Amino acid sequence: MKTLKMLVLVVAITFSSAISASTNPVENAEPNSVTATIAELLKNPKVQFNKDMSAMVEVTINHDNELVVLSVDTENKAFERFIKNRLNYKKVSKEVIGNHKNFKIPVTITK
């Protein structure tokens, strides 16, 4: 009886670990289509930057299938404004986003 209880406990721990490991939607997202959409929206900047700029951009999708910029992790305020102006409230198709709503995407603009 003691062995049976131990076996049931091990099986329960194994399944709970597997279930909790697969519930993070940000890591399971297929970012390729979202990344391609964001890259298209950021093409041809009218603002000229003196050097290469990079930022980590966190976006979410609202109920109207629009991008909403949550944060832009960069030290250059002009670059932050450029990203927010180009991305905020731009429509994206349901095929692009799938079932996921939150994305963290690295953005780099070259000089």
PDB file of N, CA and C in Angstrom:
ATOM      1  N   MET A   1       0.824  -1.198   0.000  1.00  0.00           N
ATOM      2  CA  MET A   1       0.000   0.000   0.000  1.00  0.00           C
ATOM      3  C   MET A   1       0.865   1.259   0.000  1.00  0.00           C
ATOM      4  N   LYS A   2       1.961   1.218   0.736  1.00  0.00           N
ATOM      5  CA  LYS A   2       2.848   2.363   0.797  1.00  0.00           C
ATOM      6  C   LYS A   2       3.475   2.638  -0.575  1.00  0.00           C
ATOM      7  N   THR A   3       3.801   1.594  -1.313  1.00  0.00           N
ATOM      8  CA  THR A   3       4.380   1.735  -2.643  1.00  0.00           C
ATOM      9  C   THR A   3       3.375   2.339  -3.612  1.00  0.00           C
ATOM     10  N   LEU A   4       2.119   1.954  -3.487  1.00  0.00           N
ATOM     11  CA  LEU A   4       1.079   2.484  -4.356  1.00  0.00           C
ATOM     12  C   LEU A   4       0.882   3.983  -4.125  1.00  0.00           C
ATOM     13  N   LYS A   5       0.895   4.407  -2.867  1.00  0.00           N
ATOM     14  CA  LYS A   5       0.756   5.827  -2.543  1.00  0.00           C
ATOM     15  C   LYS A   5       1.932   6.626  -3.107  1.00  0.00           C
ATOM     16  N   MET A   6       3.106   6.064  -2.990  1.00  0.00           N
ATOM     17  CA  MET A   6       4.297   6.735  -3.497  1.00  0.00           C
ATOM     18  C   MET A   6       4.236   6.862  -5.024  1.00  0.00           C
ATOM     19  N   LEU A   7       3.781   5.816  -5.702  1.00  0.00           N
ATOM     20  CA  LEU A   7       3.653   5.828  -7.153  1.00  0.00           C
ATOM     21  C   LEU A   7       2.639   6.874  -7.604  1.00  0.00           C
ATOM     22  N   VAL A   8       1.509   6.959  -6.910  1.00  0.00           N
ATOM     23  CA  VAL A   8       0.487   7.948  -7.238  1.00  0.00           C
ATOM     24  C   VAL A   8       1.036   9.368  -7.026  1.00  0.00           C
ATOM     25  N   LEU A   9       1.792   9.588  -5.969  1.00  0.00           N
ATOM     26  CA  LEU A   9       2.388  10.888  -5.699  1.00  0.00           C
ATOM     27  C   LEU A   9       3.383  11.282  -6.799  1.00  0.00           C
ATOM     28  N   VAL A  10       4.219  10.356  -7.223  1.00  0.00           N
ATOM     29  CA  VAL A  10       5.193  10.630  -8.284  1.00  0.00           C
ATOM     30  C   VAL A  10       4.492  10.965  -9.594  1.00  0.00           C
ATOM     31  N   VAL A  11       3.443  10.231  -9.942  1.00  0.00           N
ATOM     32  CA  VAL A  11       2.693  10.487 -11.172  1.00  0.00           C
ATOM     33  C   VAL A  11       2.025  11.863 -11.100  1.00  0.00           C
ATOM     34  N   ALA A  12       1.453  12.211  -9.960  1.00  0.00           N
ATOM     35  CA  ALA A  12       0.794  13.508  -9.796  1.00  0.00           C
ATOM     36  C   ALA A  12       1.791  14.664  -9.946  1.00  0.00           C
ATOM     37  N   ILE A  13       2.959  14.527  -9.357  1.00  0.00           N
ATOM     38  CA  ILE A  13       3.974  15.573  -9.465  1.00  0.00           C
ATOM     39  C   ILE A  13       4.456  15.705 -10.902  1.00  0.00           C
ATOM     40  N   THR A  14       4.642  14.585 -11.575  1.00  0.00           N
ATOM     41  CA  THR A  14       5.095  14.611 -12.967  1.00  0.00           C
ATOM     42  C   THR A  14       4.093  15.322 -13.857  1.00  0.00           C
ATOM     43  N   PHE A  15       2.815  15.003 -13.732  1.00  0.00           N
ATOM     44  CA  PHE A  15       1.805  15.643 -14.573  1.00  0.00           C
ATOM     45  C   PHE A  15       1.621  17.109 -14.233  1.00  0.00           C
ATOM     46  N   SER A  16       1.688  17.466 -12.973  1.00  0.00           N
ATOM     47  CA  SER A  16       1.524  18.878 -12.616  1.00  0.00           C
ATOM     48  C   SER A  16       2.696  19.708 -13.123  1.00  0.00           C
ATOM     49  N   SER A  17       3.890  19.145 -13.132  1.00  0.00           N
ATOM     50  CA  SER A  17       5.052  19.857 -13.671  1.00  0.00           C
ATOM     51  C   SER A  17       4.921  20.038 -15.171  1.00  0.00           C
ATOM     52  N   ALA A  18       4.459  19.026 -15.872  1.00  0.00           N
ATOM     53  CA  ALA A  18       4.310  19.115 -17.329  1.00  0.00           C
ATOM     54  C   ALA A  18       3.230  20.112 -17.708  1.00  0.00           C
ATOM     55  N   ILE A  19       2.159  20.166 -16.955  1.00  0.00           N
ATOM     56  CA  ILE A  19       1.071  21.090 -17.248  1.00  0.00           C
ATOM     57  C   ILE A  19       1.502  22.526 -16.978  1.00  0.00           C
ATOM     58  N   SER A  20       2.170  22.774 -15.861  1.00  0.00           N
ATOM     59  CA  SER A  20       2.579  24.141 -15.550  1.00  0.00           C
ATOM     60  C   SER A  20       3.682  24.620 -16.474  1.00  0.00           C
ATOM     61  N   ALA A  21       4.474  23.739 -17.027  1.00  0.00           N
ATOM     62  CA  ALA A  21       5.549  24.138 -17.933  1.00  0.00           C
ATOM     63  C   ALA A  21       5.024  24.554 -19.298  1.00  0.00           C
ATOM     64  N   SER A  22       3.811  24.184 -19.651  1.00  0.00           N
ATOM     65  CA  SER A  22       3.307  24.488 -20.987  1.00  0.00           C
ATOM     66  C   SER A  22       2.236  25.571 -20.997  1.00  0.00           C
ATOM     67  N   THR A  23       2.156  26.403 -19.969  1.00  0.00           N
ATOM     68  CA  THR A  23       1.093  27.397 -19.918  1.00  0.00           C
ATOM     69  C   THR A  23       1.553  28.820 -20.156  1.00  0.00           C
ATOM     70  N   ASN A  24       2.789  29.060 -20.546  1.00  0.00           N
ATOM     71  CA  ASN A  24       3.271  30.412 -20.773  1.00  0.00           C
ATOM     72  C   ASN A  24       3.036  30.798 -22.234  1.00  0.00           C
ATOM     73  N   PRO A  25       2.044  31.672 -22.531  1.00  0.00           N
ATOM     74  CA  PRO A  25       1.717  31.981 -23.919  1.00  0.00           C
ATOM     75  C   PRO A  25       2.774  32.801 -24.640  1.00  0.00           C
ATOM     76  N   VAL A  26       3.600  33.561 -23.914  1.00  0.00           N
ATOM     77  CA  VAL A  26       4.612  34.377 -24.570  1.00  0.00           C
ATOM     78  C   VAL A  26       5.689  33.491 -25.175  1.00  0.00           C
ATOM     79  N   GLU A  27       6.120  32.463 -24.458  1.00  0.00           N
ATOM     80  CA  GLU A  27       7.170  31.582 -24.961  1.00  0.00           C
ATOM     81  C   GLU A  27       6.655  30.644 -26.041  1.00  0.00           C
ATOM     82  N   ASN A  28       5.386  30.271 -26.005  1.00  0.00           N
ATOM     83  CA  ASN A  28       4.839  29.344 -26.978  1.00  0.00           C
ATOM     84  C   ASN A  28       4.385  30.015 -28.255  1.00  0.00           C
ATOM     85  N   ALA A  29       4.421  31.330 -28.297  1.00  0.00           N
ATOM     86  CA  ALA A  29       3.935  32.055 -29.470  1.00  0.00           C
ATOM     87  C   ALA A  29       4.852  31.841 -30.662  1.00  0.00           C
ATOM     88  N   GLU A  30       4.264  31.847 -31.828  1.00  0.00           N
ATOM     89  CA  GLU A  30       5.019  31.820 -33.075  1.00  0.00           C
ATOM     90  C   GLU A  30       5.267  33.263 -33.477  1.00  0.00           C
ATOM     91  N   PRO A  31       6.398  33.842 -33.093  1.00  0.00           N
ATOM     92  CA  PRO A  31       6.588  35.275 -33.305  1.00  0.00           C
ATOM     93  C   PRO A  31       6.925  35.667 -34.727  1.00  0.00           C
ATOM     94  N   ASN A  32       7.173  34.725 -35.613  1.00  0.00           N
ATOM     95  CA  ASN A  32       7.634  35.071 -36.954  1.00  0.00           C
ATOM     96  C   ASN A  32       6.660  35.983 -37.681  1.00  0.00           C
ATOM     97  N   SER A  33       5.377  35.669 -37.665  1.00  0.00           N
ATOM     98  CA  SER A  33       4.422  36.502 -38.381  1.00  0.00           C
ATOM     99  C   SER A  33       4.211  37.847 -37.688  1.00  0.00           C
ATOM    100  N   VAL A  34       4.240  37.866 -36.368  1.00  0.00           N
ATOM    101  CA  VAL A  34       4.115  39.127 -35.640  1.00  0.00           C
ATOM    102  C   VAL A  34       5.360  39.974 -35.878  1.00  0.00           C
ATOM    103  N   THR A  35       6.515  39.352 -35.839  1.00  0.00           N
ATOM    104  CA  THR A  35       7.765  40.060 -36.087  1.00  0.00           C
ATOM    105  C   THR A  35       7.787  40.641 -37.495  1.00  0.00           C
ATOM    106  N   ALA A  36       7.335  39.870 -38.463  1.00  0.00           N
ATOM    107  CA  ALA A  36       7.301  40.356 -39.844  1.00  0.00           C
ATOM    108  C   ALA A  36       6.345  41.535 -39.986  1.00  0.00           C
ATOM    109  N   THR A  37       5.208  41.484 -39.320  1.00  0.00           N
ATOM    110  CA  THR A  37       4.243  42.588 -39.366  1.00  0.00           C
ATOM    111  C   THR A  37       4.832  43.846 -38.749  1.00  0.00           C
ATOM    112  N   ILE A  38       5.487  43.701 -37.610  1.00  0.00           N
ATOM    113  CA  ILE A  38       6.093  44.860 -36.948  1.00  0.00           C
ATOM    114  C   ILE A  38       7.241  45.418 -37.796  1.00  0.00           C
ATOM    115  N   ALA A  39       8.022  44.534 -38.392  1.00  0.00           N
ATOM    116  CA  ALA A  39       9.110  44.997 -39.268  1.00  0.00           C
ATOM    117  C   ALA A  39       8.558  45.795 -40.439  1.00  0.00           C
ATOM    118  N   GLU A  40       7.451  45.356 -40.985  1.00  0.00           N
ATOM    119  CA  GLU A  40       6.826  46.077 -42.102  1.00  0.00           C
ATOM    120  C   GLU A  40       6.335  47.457 -41.656  1.00  0.00           C
ATOM    121  N   LEU A  41       5.768  47.532 -40.450  1.00  0.00           N
ATOM    122  CA  LEU A  41       5.269  48.812 -39.941  1.00  0.00           C
ATOM    123  C   LEU A  41       6.400  49.789 -39.623  1.00  0.00           C
ATOM    124  N   LEU A  42       7.586  49.275 -39.309  1.00  0.00           N
ATOM    125  CA  LEU A  42       8.709  50.138 -38.948  1.00  0.00           C
ATOM    126  C   LEU A  42       9.626  50.464 -40.130  1.00  0.00           C
ATOM    127  N   LYS A  43       9.270  49.990 -41.317  1.00  0.00           N
ATOM    128  CA  LYS A  43      10.106  50.252 -42.496  1.00  0.00           C
ATOM    129  C   LYS A  43      10.115  51.727 -42.861  1.00  0.00           C
ATOM    130  N   ASN A  44      11.203  52.141 -43.510  1.00  0.00           N
ATOM    131  CA  ASN A  44      11.363  53.488 -44.063  1.00  0.00           C
ATOM    132  C   ASN A  44      11.070  54.605 -43.060  1.00  0.00           C
ATOM    133  N   PRO A  45      11.858  54.689 -42.005  1.00  0.00           N
ATOM    134  CA  PRO A  45      11.630  55.777 -41.046  1.00  0.00           C
ATOM    135  C   PRO A  45      11.975  57.122 -41.654  1.00  0.00           C
ATOM    136  N   LYS A  46      11.172  58.117 -41.376  1.00  0.00           N
ATOM    137  CA  LYS A  46      11.450  59.468 -41.857  1.00  0.00           C
ATOM    138  C   LYS A  46      12.402  60.188 -40.908  1.00  0.00           C
ATOM    139  N   VAL A  47      12.566  59.627 -39.721  1.00  0.00           N
ATOM    140  CA  VAL A  47      13.489  60.174 -38.732  1.00  0.00           C
ATOM    141  C   VAL A  47      14.859  59.552 -38.983  1.00  0.00           C
ATOM    142  N   GLN A  48      15.900  60.369 -39.007  1.00  0.00           N
ATOM    143  CA  GLN A  48      17.257  59.869 -39.197  1.00  0.00           C
ATOM    144  C   GLN A  48      17.940  59.762 -37.836  1.00  0.00           C
ATOM    145  N   PHE A  49      18.484  58.591 -37.561  1.00  0.00           N
ATOM    146  CA  PHE A  49      19.217  58.375 -36.322  1.00  0.00           C
ATOM    147  C   PHE A  49      20.711  58.362 -36.628  1.00  0.00           C
ATOM    148  N   ASN A  50      21.517  58.910 -35.717  1.00  0.00           N
ATOM    149  CA  ASN A  50      22.965  59.033 -35.932  1.00  0.00           C
ATOM    150  C   ASN A  50      23.694  57.699 -35.789  1.00  0.00           C
ATOM    151  N   LYS A  51      23.086  56.754 -35.113  1.00  0.00           N
ATOM    152  CA  LYS A  51      23.725  55.460 -34.885  1.00  0.00           C
ATOM    153  C   LYS A  51      22.663  54.376 -34.892  1.00  0.00           C
ATOM    154  N   ASP A  52      23.117  53.137 -34.853  1.00  0.00           N
ATOM    155  CA  ASP A  52      22.182  52.020 -34.778  1.00  0.00           C
ATOM    156  C   ASP A  52      21.426  52.090 -33.460  1.00  0.00           C
ATOM    157  N   MET A  53      20.115  51.853 -33.513  1.00  0.00           N
ATOM    158  CA  MET A  53      19.275  51.927 -32.326  1.00  0.00           C
ATOM    159  C   MET A  53      18.647  50.561 -32.091  1.00  0.00           C
ATOM    160  N   SER A  54      18.528  50.193 -30.824  1.00  0.00           N
ATOM    161  CA  SER A  54      17.860  48.932 -30.506  1.00  0.00           C
ATOM    162  C   SER A  54      16.997  49.120 -29.268  1.00  0.00           C
ATOM    163  N   ALA A  55      15.965  48.291 -29.181  1.00  0.00           N
ATOM    164  CA  ALA A  55      15.036  48.352 -28.055  1.00  0.00           C
ATOM    165  C   ALA A  55      14.330  47.013 -27.922  1.00  0.00           C
ATOM    166  N   MET A  56      13.855  46.731 -26.737  1.00  0.00           N
ATOM    167  CA  MET A  56      12.990  45.583 -26.503  1.00  0.00           C
ATOM    168  C   MET A  56      11.573  46.138 -26.368  1.00  0.00           C
ATOM    169  N   VAL A  57      10.710  45.711 -27.274  1.00  0.00           N
ATOM    170  CA  VAL A  57       9.351  46.252 -27.347  1.00  0.00           C
ATOM    171  C   VAL A  57       8.376  45.181 -26.870  1.00  0.00           C
ATOM    172  N   GLU A  58       7.523  45.559 -25.934  1.00  0.00           N
ATOM    173  CA  GLU A  58       6.482  44.661 -25.447  1.00  0.00           C
ATOM    174  C   GLU A  58       5.142  45.175 -25.957  1.00  0.00           C
ATOM    175  N   VAL A  59       4.435  44.323 -26.699  1.00  0.00           N
ATOM    176  CA  VAL A  59       3.144  44.704 -27.262  1.00  0.00           C
ATOM    177  C   VAL A  59       2.091  43.675 -26.861  1.00  0.00           C
ATOM    178  N   THR A  60       0.863  44.131 -26.910  1.00  0.00           N
ATOM    179  CA  THR A  60      -0.268  43.253 -26.686  1.00  0.00           C
ATOM    180  C   THR A  60      -1.278  43.518 -27.799  1.00  0.00           C
ATOM    181  N   ILE A  61      -2.222  42.616 -27.935  1.00  0.00           N
ATOM    182  CA  ILE A  61      -3.272  42.764 -28.940  1.00  0.00           C
ATOM    183  C   ILE A  61      -4.583  43.030 -28.200  1.00  0.00           C
ATOM    184  N   ASN A  62      -5.264  44.118 -28.525  1.00  0.00           N
ATOM    185  CA  ASN A  62      -6.535  44.414 -27.854  1.00  0.00           C
ATOM    186  C   ASN A  62      -7.694  43.679 -28.537  1.00  0.00           C
ATOM    187  N   HIS A  63      -8.904  43.908 -28.061  1.00  0.00           N
ATOM    188  CA  HIS A  63     -10.085  43.187 -28.562  1.00  0.00           C
ATOM    189  C   HIS A  63     -10.444  43.562 -30.002  1.00  0.00           C
ATOM    190  N   ASP A  64      -9.897  44.673 -30.509  1.00  0.00           N
ATOM    191  CA  ASP A  64     -10.141  45.079 -31.895  1.00  0.00           C
ATOM    192  C   ASP A  64      -9.016  44.620 -32.836  1.00  0.00           C
ATOM    193  N   ASN A  65      -8.175  43.696 -32.381  1.00  0.00           N
ATOM    194  CA  ASN A  65      -7.022  43.195 -33.143  1.00  0.00           C
ATOM    195  C   ASN A  65      -6.060  44.312 -33.524  1.00  0.00           C
ATOM    196  N   GLU A  66      -5.800  45.208 -32.578  1.00  0.00           N
ATOM    197  CA  GLU A  66      -4.855  46.299 -32.786  1.00  0.00           C
ATOM    198  C   GLU A  66      -3.659  46.101 -31.862  1.00  0.00           C
ATOM    199  N   LEU A  67      -2.480  46.474 -32.351  1.00  0.00           N
ATOM    200  CA  LEU A  67      -1.283  46.445 -31.524  1.00  0.00           C
ATOM    201  C   LEU A  67      -1.353  47.569 -30.505  1.00  0.00           C
ATOM    202  N   VAL A  68      -0.982  47.274 -29.272  1.00  0.00           N
ATOM    203  CA  VAL A  68      -0.873  48.290 -28.234  1.00  0.00           C
ATOM    204  C   VAL A  68       0.511  48.132 -27.617  1.00  0.00           C
ATOM    205  N   VAL A  69       1.315  49.172 -27.696  1.00  0.00           N
ATOM    206  CA  VAL A  69       2.668  49.124 -27.155  1.00  0.00           C
ATOM    207  C   VAL A  69       2.578  49.308 -25.641  1.00  0.00           C
ATOM    208  N   LEU A  70       3.054  48.302 -24.910  1.00  0.00           N
ATOM    209  CA  LEU A  70       3.061  48.379 -23.447  1.00  0.00           C
ATOM    210  C   LEU A  70       4.318  49.052 -22.931  1.00  0.00           C
ATOM    211  N   SER A  71       5.461  48.702 -23.521  1.00  0.00           N
ATOM    212  CA  SER A  71       6.711  49.325 -23.100  1.00  0.00           C
ATOM    213  C   SER A  71       7.743  49.243 -24.215  1.00  0.00           C
ATOM    214  N   VAL A  72       8.643  50.221 -24.196  1.00  0.00           N
ATOM    215  CA  VAL A  72       9.780  50.255 -25.113  1.00  0.00           C
ATOM    216  C   VAL A  72      11.009  50.459 -24.246  1.00  0.00           C
ATOM    217  N   ASP A  73      11.844  49.438 -24.167  1.00  0.00           N
ATOM    218  CA  ASP A  73      13.023  49.495 -23.309  1.00  0.00           C
ATOM    219  C   ASP A  73      14.214  50.013 -24.117  1.00  0.00           C
ATOM    220  N   THR A  74      14.384  51.338 -24.100  1.00  0.00           N
ATOM    221  CA  THR A  74      15.496  52.000 -24.766  1.00  0.00           C
ATOM    222  C   THR A  74      15.793  53.282 -24.013  1.00  0.00           C
ATOM    223  N   GLU A  75      17.002  53.795 -24.209  1.00  0.00           N
ATOM    224  CA  GLU A  75      17.375  55.033 -23.533  1.00  0.00           C
ATOM    225  C   GLU A  75      17.130  56.261 -24.402  1.00  0.00           C
ATOM    226  N   ASN A  76      16.880  56.070 -25.677  1.00  0.00           N
ATOM    227  CA  ASN A  76      16.668  57.178 -26.600  1.00  0.00           C
ATOM    228  C   ASN A  76      15.173  57.476 -26.707  1.00  0.00           C
ATOM    229  N   LYS A  77      14.767  58.634 -26.226  1.00  0.00           N
ATOM    230  CA  LYS A  77      13.343  59.009 -26.214  1.00  0.00           C
ATOM    231  C   LYS A  77      12.779  59.203 -27.621  1.00  0.00           C
ATOM    232  N   ALA A  78      13.583  59.688 -28.551  1.00  0.00           N
ATOM    233  CA  ALA A  78      13.111  59.865 -29.929  1.00  0.00           C
ATOM    234  C   ALA A  78      12.820  58.513 -30.573  1.00  0.00           C
ATOM    235  N   PHE A  79      13.671  57.538 -30.308  1.00  0.00           N
ATOM    236  CA  PHE A  79      13.462  56.195 -30.836  1.00  0.00           C
ATOM    237  C   PHE A  79      12.213  55.569 -30.218  1.00  0.00           C
ATOM    238  N   GLU A  80      12.004  55.804 -28.943  1.00  0.00           N
ATOM    239  CA  GLU A  80      10.804  55.299 -28.259  1.00  0.00           C
ATOM    240  C   GLU A  80       9.540  55.902 -28.870  1.00  0.00           C
ATOM    241  N   ARG A  81       9.536  57.207 -29.111  1.00  0.00           N
ATOM    242  CA  ARG A  81       8.380  57.865 -29.729  1.00  0.00           C
ATOM    243  C   ARG A  81       8.134  57.341 -31.142  1.00  0.00           C
ATOM    244  N   PHE A  82       9.216  57.131 -31.899  1.00  0.00           N
ATOM    245  CA  PHE A  82       9.098  56.597 -33.258  1.00  0.00           C
ATOM    246  C   PHE A  82       8.396  55.238 -33.241  1.00  0.00           C
ATOM    247  N   ILE A  83       8.822  54.358 -32.358  1.00  0.00           N
ATOM    248  CA  ILE A  83       8.221  53.018 -32.278  1.00  0.00           C
ATOM    249  C   ILE A  83       6.762  53.108 -31.868  1.00  0.00           C
ATOM    250  N   LYS A  84       6.474  53.895 -30.859  1.00  0.00           N
ATOM    251  CA  LYS A  84       5.086  54.021 -30.395  1.00  0.00           C
ATOM    252  C   LYS A  84       4.189  54.623 -31.471  1.00  0.00           C
ATOM    253  N   ASN A  85       4.662  55.632 -32.178  1.00  0.00           N
ATOM    254  CA  ASN A  85       3.854  56.251 -33.240  1.00  0.00           C
ATOM    255  C   ASN A  85       3.587  55.286 -34.380  1.00  0.00           C
ATOM    256  N   ARG A  86       4.547  54.467 -34.712  1.00  0.00           N
ATOM    257  CA  ARG A  86       4.391  53.549 -35.836  1.00  0.00           C
ATOM    258  C   ARG A  86       3.559  52.312 -35.488  1.00  0.00           C
ATOM    259  N   LEU A  87       3.567  51.883 -34.215  1.00  0.00           N
ATOM    260  CA  LEU A  87       2.918  50.615 -33.865  1.00  0.00           C
ATOM    261  C   LEU A  87       1.578  50.749 -33.155  1.00  0.00           C
ATOM    262  N   ASN A  88       1.418  51.767 -32.326  1.00  0.00           N
ATOM    263  CA  ASN A  88       0.209  51.849 -31.500  1.00  0.00           C
ATOM    264  C   ASN A  88      -1.060  51.901 -32.339  1.00  0.00           C
ATOM    265  N   TYR A  89      -1.969  51.009 -32.022  1.00  0.00           N
ATOM    266  CA  TYR A  89      -3.314  50.924 -32.601  1.00  0.00           C
ATOM    267  C   TYR A  89      -3.329  50.645 -34.101  1.00  0.00           C
ATOM    268  N   LYS A  90      -2.319  49.938 -34.576  1.00  0.00           N
ATOM    269  CA  LYS A  90      -2.322  49.474 -35.970  1.00  0.00           C
ATOM    270  C   LYS A  90      -3.002  48.108 -36.012  1.00  0.00           C
ATOM    271  N   LYS A  91      -3.903  47.927 -36.948  1.00  0.00           N
ATOM    272  CA  LYS A  91      -4.648  46.667 -37.089  1.00  0.00           C
ATOM    273  C   LYS A  91      -3.722  45.547 -37.559  1.00  0.00           C
ATOM    274  N   VAL A  92      -3.930  44.355 -37.005  1.00  0.00           N
ATOM    275  CA  VAL A  92      -3.243  43.151 -37.458  1.00  0.00           C
ATOM    276  C   VAL A  92      -4.287  42.073 -37.689  1.00  0.00           C
ATOM    277  N   SER A  93      -4.001  41.170 -38.596  1.00  0.00           N
ATOM    278  CA  SER A  93      -4.971  40.123 -38.913  1.00  0.00           C
ATOM    279  C   SER A  93      -4.934  39.018 -37.863  1.00  0.00           C
ATOM    280  N   LYS A  94      -6.011  38.302 -37.739  1.00  0.00           N
ATOM    281  CA  LYS A  94      -6.093  37.206 -36.766  1.00  0.00           C
ATOM    282  C   LYS A  94      -5.110  36.095 -37.084  1.00  0.00           C
ATOM    283  N   GLU A  95      -4.778  35.913 -38.369  1.00  0.00           N
ATOM    284  CA  GLU A  95      -3.818  34.886 -38.753  1.00  0.00           C
ATOM    285  C   GLU A  95      -2.436  35.204 -38.200  1.00  0.00           C
ATOM    286  N   VAL A  96      -2.131  36.484 -38.093  1.00  0.00           N
ATOM    287  CA  VAL A  96      -0.824  36.905 -37.597  1.00  0.00           C
ATOM    288  C   VAL A  96      -0.694  36.609 -36.109  1.00  0.00           C
ATOM    289  N   ILE A  97      -1.735  36.892 -35.343  1.00  0.00           N
ATOM    290  CA  ILE A  97      -1.608  36.774 -33.900  1.00  0.00           C
ATOM    291  C   ILE A  97      -1.943  35.396 -33.366  1.00  0.00           C
ATOM    292  N   GLY A  98      -2.772  34.634 -34.045  1.00  0.00           N
ATOM    293  CA  GLY A  98      -3.151  33.325 -33.527  1.00  0.00           C
ATOM    294  C   GLY A  98      -3.906  33.467 -32.221  1.00  0.00           C
ATOM    295  N   ASN A  99      -3.576  32.634 -31.251  1.00  0.00           N
ATOM    296  CA  ASN A  99      -4.254  32.652 -29.950  1.00  0.00           C
ATOM    297  C   ASN A  99      -3.516  33.470 -28.912  1.00  0.00           C
ATOM    298  N   HIS A 100      -2.389  34.044 -29.267  1.00  0.00           N
ATOM    299  CA  HIS A 100      -1.554  34.722 -28.289  1.00  0.00           C
ATOM    300  C   HIS A 100      -1.816  36.222 -28.311  1.00  0.00           C
ATOM    301  N   LYS A 101      -1.655  36.837 -27.153  1.00  0.00           N
ATOM    302  CA  LYS A 101      -1.983  38.252 -27.039  1.00  0.00           C
ATOM    303  C   LYS A 101      -0.799  39.127 -26.632  1.00  0.00           C
ATOM    304  N   ASN A 102       0.248  38.559 -26.041  1.00  0.00           N
ATOM    305  CA  ASN A 102       1.383  39.343 -25.563  1.00  0.00           C
ATOM    306  C   ASN A 102       2.661  38.900 -26.254  1.00  0.00           C
ATOM    307  N   PHE A 103       3.472  39.874 -26.651  1.00  0.00           N
ATOM    308  CA  PHE A 103       4.711  39.574 -27.348  1.00  0.00           C
ATOM    309  C   PHE A 103       5.810  40.512 -26.885  1.00  0.00           C
ATOM    310  N   LYS A 104       7.026  39.987 -26.752  1.00  0.00           N
ATOM    311  CA  LYS A 104       8.219  40.791 -26.515  1.00  0.00           C
ATOM    312  C   LYS A 104       9.098  40.613 -27.738  1.00  0.00           C
ATOM    313  N   ILE A 105       9.427  41.719 -28.381  1.00  0.00           N
ATOM    314  CA  ILE A 105      10.127  41.646 -29.654  1.00  0.00           C
ATOM    315  C   ILE A 105      11.323  42.605 -29.631  1.00  0.00           C
ATOM    316  N   PRO A 106      12.515  42.100 -29.964  1.00  0.00           N
ATOM    317  CA  PRO A 106      13.657  43.006 -30.086  1.00  0.00           C
ATOM    318  C   PRO A 106      13.587  43.770 -31.410  1.00  0.00           C
ATOM    319  N   VAL A 107      13.824  45.069 -31.349  1.00  0.00           N
ATOM    320  CA  VAL A 107      13.768  45.923 -32.540  1.00  0.00           C
ATOM    321  C   VAL A 107      15.103  46.617 -32.691  1.00  0.00           C
ATOM    322  N   THR A 108      15.663  46.570 -33.903  1.00  0.00           N
ATOM    323  CA  THR A 108      16.911  47.253 -34.201  1.00  0.00           C
ATOM    324  C   THR A 108      16.750  48.026 -35.501  1.00  0.00           C
ATOM    325  N   ILE A 109      17.125  49.284 -35.472  1.00  0.00           N
ATOM    326  CA  ILE A 109      17.127  50.134 -36.662  1.00  0.00           C
ATOM    327  C   ILE A 109      18.583  50.484 -36.944  1.00  0.00           C
ATOM    328  N   THR A 110      19.031  50.224 -38.153  1.00  0.00           N
ATOM    329  CA  THR A 110      20.410  50.545 -38.492  1.00  0.00           C
ATOM    330  C   THR A 110      20.506  51.934 -39.110  1.00  0.00           C
ATOM    331  N   LYS A 111      21.635  52.544 -38.938  1.00  0.00           N
ATOM    332  CA  LYS A 111      21.889  53.914 -39.408  1.00  0.00           C
ATOM    333  C   LYS A 111      21.813  54.020 -40.909  1.00  0.00           C
TER     334      LYS A 111
END
